[in-house]
Amino acid sequence: MAIDMSKMKERLEALKNRGKNSNNNFWKPQEGEQTIRLVCPSNGDPFRDFWFHYDVGASSGFLSPKRNFGEDCPLDTYVRALWTEGSEESKRMARKLSAKQRFFAPVLVRGEEDQGVKVWGFGKRAYETLIGLVLNPEYGDITDAESGTDLVVTYTKPAGASFPETKITPRRRSSVLLKDTAKAAELLESVPDFDEIFASSRKTKQEVQVILDDFLQSNSDSDTQAEVTSVNVGSNAVEKAFSELLG
């Protein structure tokens, strides 16, 4: 039987749209004030944290095999060797290459409810603020669909500051997630799967070796280099979206 070209075109479109949907899963605050609602998935925990390696050669970011999954990782081994070496240059490089912890939560952005639940990535300070609000008995369950509390996120980039500032303030009054209870229930069933979103950011030991090799090759004049073997790896749609999200 001859190949059905129309079905092949459908597959190609699905592949293209998958990349677009991956990008659309993420939400990043824009400068100024925005209102969001923290959404709780069925497991009762709205927070996830992952460890990422950034700025290692051409890779824009990938999950740390060692810190997330307890797997052998050439980059982790190299970082530990740098710390053991103990020079100022090797410690500087070790800090640069070490995995960084990042936190995530599903949110509904007010004014953009039709776009569904998004994933917000934030740092430790914002995470501590959110945990404090979740555990504050004055607010109850801030994720509750009937009597939860919206959060105002104020995102600013002060002149001269190295990093933007994020302030999170709860609304004084509780509110429903959505007035349409049927749509609210449907929305709660559509919380993005974190493992699925970041699946393509997970690397094998061999892939990490490749990324490390490329990085060391491009920094061949560095005094902190170690002996390794080499190939090249490109970034993907999720990595690019993630880089923009946290940039």
Protein backbone atom coordinates (compact mmCIF):
# COMPACT_ATOMS: atom_id res chain seq x y z
CA MET A 1 0.00 0.00 0.00
CA ALA A 2 1.31 3.47 -0.90
CA ILE A 3 2.02 5.92 1.88
CA ASP A 4 -0.84 8.32 2.67
CA MET A 5 0.72 11.76 2.20
CA SER A 6 -2.22 13.57 3.81
CA LYS A 7 -1.64 11.61 7.03
CA MET A 8 2.05 12.42 6.88
CA LYS A 9 1.20 16.12 6.62
CA GLU A 10 -1.08 15.76 9.65
CA ARG A 11 1.79 14.22 11.58
CA LEU A 12 4.08 17.07 10.56
CA GLU A 13 1.54 19.66 11.76
CA ALA A 14 1.10 17.80 15.04
CA LEU A 15 4.87 17.84 15.53
CA LYS A 16 5.03 21.58 14.89
CA ASN A 17 2.10 22.28 17.21
CA ARG A 18 3.66 20.18 19.97
CA GLY A 19 6.59 22.59 20.07
CA LYS A 20 4.25 25.57 20.16
CA ASN A 21 2.18 24.04 22.94
CA SER A 22 5.32 23.41 24.98
CA ASN A 23 6.16 27.11 24.76
CA ASN A 24 2.59 28.07 25.66
CA ASN A 25 2.67 26.02 28.87
CA PHE A 26 4.87 28.63 30.55
CA TRP A 27 4.01 31.96 32.13
CA LYS A 28 6.51 34.68 32.94
CA PRO A 29 5.49 37.88 34.75
CA GLN A 30 5.74 41.05 32.74
CA GLU A 31 6.93 44.26 34.31
CA GLY A 32 4.21 45.76 36.50
CA GLU A 33 1.29 44.10 38.29
CA GLN A 34 -0.53 40.92 37.29
CA THR A 35 -3.06 38.83 39.16
CA ILE A 36 -2.87 35.05 39.28
CA ARG A 37 -4.51 32.15 41.09
CA LEU A 38 -2.40 29.27 42.34
CA VAL A 39 -3.97 26.00 41.14
CA CYS A 40 -3.60 22.73 43.02
CA PRO A 41 -3.35 19.44 41.09
CA SER A 42 -5.06 16.24 42.20
CA ASN A 43 -2.06 15.11 44.29
CA GLY A 44 -2.59 18.03 46.69
CA ASP A 45 0.82 19.64 46.11
CA PRO A 46 0.97 22.72 43.85
CA PHE A 47 4.77 22.96 43.97
CA ARG A 48 7.53 21.10 42.14
CA ASP A 49 11.25 21.78 42.22
CA PHE A 50 13.93 20.71 39.79
CA TRP A 51 17.68 21.20 39.54
CA PHE A 52 18.98 22.63 36.26
CA HIS A 53 22.38 23.18 34.70
CA TYR A 54 22.60 26.45 32.76
CA ASP A 55 25.09 28.04 30.36
CA VAL A 56 27.07 24.90 29.68
CA GLY A 57 28.19 25.48 26.11
CA ALA A 58 25.38 25.77 23.56
CA SER A 59 22.80 24.15 25.87
CA SER A 60 20.34 26.67 27.30
CA GLY A 61 19.44 24.48 30.26
CA PHE A 62 18.86 20.83 31.15
CA LEU A 63 17.83 18.76 34.14
CA SER A 64 20.64 17.58 36.38
CA PRO A 65 20.74 13.75 36.18
CA LYS A 66 22.45 13.58 39.59
CA ARG A 67 20.37 16.04 41.61
CA ASN A 68 16.98 15.09 40.14
CA PHE A 69 17.29 11.35 39.51
CA GLY A 70 20.38 10.14 41.40
CA GLU A 71 22.04 9.05 38.15
CA ASP A 72 25.73 9.16 37.30
CA CYS A 73 26.55 12.47 35.65
CA PRO A 74 29.87 13.47 34.01
CA LEU A 75 29.16 17.13 34.72
CA ASP A 76 28.57 16.49 38.42
CA THR A 77 31.84 14.50 38.55
CA TYR A 78 33.67 17.33 36.82
CA VAL A 79 32.23 19.95 39.20
CA ARG A 80 33.32 17.92 42.23
CA ALA A 81 36.83 17.65 40.73
CA LEU A 82 36.91 21.44 40.35
CA TRP A 83 35.98 21.93 44.01
CA THR A 84 38.66 19.42 45.02
CA GLU A 85 41.28 21.31 42.99
CA GLY A 86 40.54 24.29 45.21
CA SER A 87 41.97 27.20 43.20
CA GLU A 88 39.95 30.41 42.91
CA GLU A 89 39.51 29.83 39.18
CA SER A 90 38.37 26.22 39.62
CA LYS A 91 35.89 27.24 42.36
CA ARG A 92 34.53 30.01 40.13
CA MET A 93 34.01 27.48 37.34
CA ALA A 94 32.45 24.98 39.77
CA ARG A 95 29.90 27.57 40.88
CA LYS A 96 29.07 28.38 37.26
CA LEU A 97 28.53 24.73 36.30
CA SER A 98 26.77 23.54 39.47
CA ALA A 99 23.06 22.70 39.23
CA LYS A 100 20.66 25.46 40.32
CA GLN A 101 17.35 24.76 42.06
CA ARG A 102 14.20 26.16 40.47
CA PHE A 103 10.60 25.99 41.69
CA PHE A 104 7.38 25.68 39.67
CA ALA A 105 3.65 25.95 40.23
CA PRO A 106 0.51 25.82 38.05
CA VAL A 107 -1.30 29.17 37.87
CA LEU A 108 -4.33 30.71 36.23
CA VAL A 109 -3.58 34.21 34.96
CA ARG A 110 -6.47 36.61 35.45
CA GLY A 111 -7.57 38.16 32.18
CA GLU A 112 -6.13 35.15 30.32
CA GLU A 113 -8.39 32.43 31.71
CA ASP A 114 -9.19 31.25 28.18
CA GLN A 115 -5.55 30.18 27.79
CA GLY A 116 -5.87 27.63 30.58
CA VAL A 117 -3.47 26.75 33.39
CA LYS A 118 0.14 27.86 32.92
CA VAL A 119 3.39 26.89 34.62
CA TRP A 120 5.22 29.62 36.54
CA GLY A 121 8.92 29.16 37.32
CA PHE A 122 10.41 31.15 40.21
CA GLY A 123 13.30 31.29 42.65
CA LYS A 124 13.72 30.43 46.32
CA ARG A 125 12.58 33.80 47.66
CA ALA A 126 9.24 33.73 45.81
CA TYR A 127 8.84 30.07 46.83
CA GLU A 128 9.29 30.94 50.51
CA THR A 129 6.69 33.69 50.19
CA LEU A 130 4.19 31.33 48.54
CA ILE A 131 4.76 28.60 51.14
CA GLY A 132 4.17 31.18 53.87
CA LEU A 133 0.86 32.21 52.29
CA VAL A 134 -0.26 28.59 51.81
CA LEU A 135 0.42 27.81 55.48
CA ASN A 136 -1.10 31.04 56.81
CA PRO A 137 -4.37 30.07 58.60
CA GLU A 138 -5.84 33.53 57.94
CA TYR A 139 -6.21 32.69 54.26
CA GLY A 140 -7.21 29.04 54.47
CA ASP A 141 -6.66 27.10 51.25
CA ILE A 142 -5.68 29.83 48.78
CA THR A 143 -6.09 27.36 45.90
CA ASP A 144 -9.70 26.46 46.75
CA ALA A 145 -11.95 26.75 43.69
CA GLU A 146 -14.81 28.28 45.72
CA SER A 147 -13.10 30.36 48.40
CA GLY A 148 -9.47 30.69 47.41
CA THR A 149 -7.38 33.84 47.19
CA ASP A 150 -5.92 35.52 44.11
CA LEU A 151 -2.34 36.78 44.28
CA VAL A 152 -1.01 40.05 42.90
CA VAL A 153 2.46 39.61 41.43
CA THR A 154 4.45 42.83 41.14
CA TYR A 155 7.46 42.33 38.87
CA THR A 156 10.04 45.11 38.65
CA LYS A 157 13.56 45.56 37.30
CA PRO A 158 15.23 48.21 39.50
CA ALA A 159 17.94 50.26 37.79
CA GLY A 160 21.36 48.89 38.57
CA ALA A 161 20.04 45.68 40.15
CA SER A 162 21.46 42.36 38.99
CA PHE A 163 18.10 40.59 39.15
CA PRO A 164 14.44 41.60 38.85
CA GLU A 165 12.31 41.73 42.00
CA THR A 166 9.08 39.80 42.49
CA LYS A 167 6.60 40.84 45.19
CA ILE A 168 3.59 38.60 45.92
CA THR A 169 0.56 40.05 47.73
CA PRO A 170 -2.72 38.20 48.46
CA ARG A 171 -6.03 39.89 47.65
CA ARG A 172 -8.03 40.94 50.72
CA ARG A 173 -11.12 39.04 49.64
CA SER A 174 -11.55 35.44 48.56
CA SER A 175 -13.03 34.58 45.18
CA VAL A 176 -14.10 31.66 43.02
CA LEU A 177 -11.65 30.19 40.55
CA LEU A 178 -14.21 30.65 37.75
CA LYS A 179 -17.89 31.63 37.90
CA ASP A 180 -18.72 28.73 35.60
CA THR A 181 -18.27 25.74 37.93
CA ALA A 182 -18.26 23.25 35.06
CA LYS A 183 -15.41 25.10 33.36
CA ALA A 184 -13.61 25.38 36.69
CA ALA A 185 -13.76 21.61 37.15
CA GLU A 186 -12.54 21.12 33.58
CA LEU A 187 -9.71 23.58 34.21
CA LEU A 188 -8.55 21.69 37.28
CA GLU A 189 -8.27 18.56 35.16
CA SER A 190 -6.00 20.37 32.69
CA VAL A 191 -3.10 21.18 35.03
CA PRO A 192 0.09 20.60 32.97
CA ASP A 193 2.12 17.48 33.71
CA PHE A 194 5.53 18.76 34.88
CA ASP A 195 7.36 15.55 34.04
CA GLU A 196 5.96 15.67 30.52
CA ILE A 197 6.80 19.35 30.03
CA PHE A 198 10.42 18.87 31.03
CA ALA A 199 10.88 15.41 29.51
CA SER A 200 12.99 16.69 26.63
CA SER A 201 15.22 18.59 29.08
CA ARG A 202 16.25 15.28 30.64
CA LYS A 203 19.62 14.08 29.34
CA THR A 204 21.33 10.72 29.38
CA LYS A 205 24.84 10.31 30.75
CA GLN A 206 26.13 10.19 27.17
CA GLU A 207 24.30 13.38 26.18
CA VAL A 208 25.65 15.25 29.19
CA GLN A 209 29.14 14.05 28.28
CA VAL A 210 28.65 15.51 24.81
CA ILE A 211 27.52 18.88 26.21
CA LEU A 212 30.45 18.97 28.63
CA ASP A 213 32.91 18.06 25.88
CA ASP A 214 31.69 20.89 23.69
CA PHE A 215 31.92 23.32 26.58
CA LEU A 216 35.47 22.28 27.44
CA GLN A 217 36.49 22.36 23.79
CA SER A 218 35.24 25.94 23.46
CA ASN A 219 37.15 26.86 26.62
CA SER A 220 40.31 24.96 25.77
CA ASP A 221 42.55 27.73 27.19
CA SER A 222 41.09 27.37 30.68
CA ASP A 223 43.40 26.13 33.46
CA THR A 224 40.52 24.16 34.97
CA GLN A 225 39.97 21.79 32.08
CA ALA A 226 39.74 18.01 32.48
CA GLU A 227 40.18 15.18 29.99
CA VAL A 228 36.98 14.05 28.26
CA THR A 229 35.62 12.88 24.86
CA SER A 230 33.50 15.09 22.40
CA VAL A 231 30.40 15.61 20.11
CA ASN A 232 27.73 18.30 19.62
CA VAL A 233 24.15 18.63 20.89
CA GLY A 234 21.58 21.31 19.96
CA SER A 235 18.85 22.83 22.07
CA ASN A 236 15.15 22.11 21.64
CA ALA A 237 11.88 24.05 21.80
CA VAL A 238 11.34 23.40 25.50
CA GLU A 239 14.90 24.46 26.37
CA LYS A 240 14.47 27.69 24.42
CA ALA A 241 11.14 28.41 26.09
CA PHE A 242 12.65 27.62 29.47
CA SER A 243 15.61 29.89 28.79
CA GLU A 244 13.24 32.74 27.93
CA LEU A 245 11.12 31.97 30.98
CA LEU A 246 14.01 32.26 33.41
CA GLY A 247 16.09 34.79 31.50
